[in-house]
């Protein structure tokens, strides 16, 4: 999976839109947009850290039933 696909897959796994993802992770909107469009490439370590954090914090909808931040609704 290339950078563009990996970045989009990570974001989509959280159920966040691009703006929410950028605000949550404090990454500039334009940077994430450029990564997702394939105009720039995120460093591999950034992708690994995002994946680790998303899974570790239970932000991934697939593995945690879509619950974010302990919401039980």
Protein backbone atom coordinates (compact mmCIF):
# COMPACT_ATOMS: atom_id res chain seq x y z
CA UNK A 1 0.00 0.00 0.00
CA UNK A 2 1.50 3.34 -0.98
CA UNK A 3 1.55 6.48 1.16
CA UNK A 4 -1.54 7.97 -0.45
CA UNK A 5 -3.66 4.85 0.13
CA UNK A 6 -2.28 4.26 3.63
CA UNK A 7 -2.98 7.81 4.76
CA UNK A 8 -6.55 7.76 3.49
CA UNK A 9 -7.16 4.30 4.97
CA UNK A 10 -5.88 5.43 8.37
CA UNK A 11 -8.11 8.50 8.36
CA UNK A 12 -11.15 6.60 7.15
CA UNK A 13 -10.61 3.92 9.81
CA UNK A 14 -11.30 6.60 12.43
CA UNK A 15 -14.54 7.71 10.81
CA UNK A 16 -13.24 11.28 10.80
CA UNK A 17 -13.39 13.59 7.83
CA UNK A 18 -10.17 15.29 6.79
CA UNK A 19 -10.81 18.44 8.81
CA UNK A 20 -11.59 16.51 12.01
CA UNK A 21 -8.53 14.29 11.52
CA UNK A 22 -6.27 17.30 11.05
CA UNK A 23 -7.63 19.06 14.12
CA UNK A 24 -7.38 15.93 16.26
CA UNK A 25 -3.79 15.14 15.28
CA UNK A 26 -2.70 18.77 14.82
CA UNK A 27 -1.49 18.18 11.29
CA UNK A 28 -2.02 21.02 8.81
CA UNK A 29 -5.02 20.40 6.55
CA UNK A 30 -3.02 21.10 3.42
CA UNK A 31 -0.36 18.57 4.43
CA UNK A 32 -2.87 15.75 4.86
CA UNK A 33 -4.59 16.76 1.62
CA UNK A 34 -1.29 16.65 -0.26
CA UNK A 35 -0.50 13.22 1.24
CA UNK A 36 -3.92 11.83 0.32
CA UNK A 37 -3.76 13.20 -3.22
CA UNK A 38 -0.27 11.78 -3.74
CA UNK A 39 1.34 15.17 -4.34
CA UNK A 40 3.60 14.67 -1.33
CA UNK A 41 4.62 11.62 0.66
CA UNK A 42 4.32 11.28 4.42
CA UNK A 43 7.44 9.88 6.05
CA UNK A 44 7.04 6.19 6.83
CA UNK A 45 7.59 6.83 10.55
CA UNK A 46 4.63 9.26 10.58
CA UNK A 47 2.35 6.65 9.07
CA UNK A 48 3.56 4.06 11.59
CA UNK A 49 3.04 6.45 14.51
CA UNK A 50 -0.45 7.40 13.35
CA UNK A 51 -1.39 3.74 12.94
CA UNK A 52 0.00 2.89 16.38
CA UNK A 53 -1.85 5.77 18.02
CA UNK A 54 -5.15 5.14 16.22
CA UNK A 55 -5.16 1.47 17.22
CA UNK A 56 -3.76 2.08 20.70
CA UNK A 57 -6.32 4.75 21.56
CA UNK A 58 -9.23 2.78 20.11
CA UNK A 59 -9.96 5.36 17.41
CA UNK A 60 -10.32 2.72 14.73
CA UNK A 61 -13.99 2.06 14.05
CA UNK A 62 -13.45 -1.41 12.63
CA UNK A 63 -11.99 -2.83 15.82
CA UNK A 64 -14.03 -0.90 18.36
CA UNK A 65 -17.54 -0.68 17.01
CA UNK A 66 -17.25 2.94 15.96
CA UNK A 67 -16.94 4.26 19.50
CA UNK A 68 -14.60 7.18 19.94
CA UNK A 69 -13.39 8.64 23.23
CA UNK A 70 -15.42 6.23 25.33
CA UNK A 71 -18.81 7.16 23.85
CA UNK A 72 -21.40 4.49 24.54
CA UNK A 73 -24.27 5.99 22.55
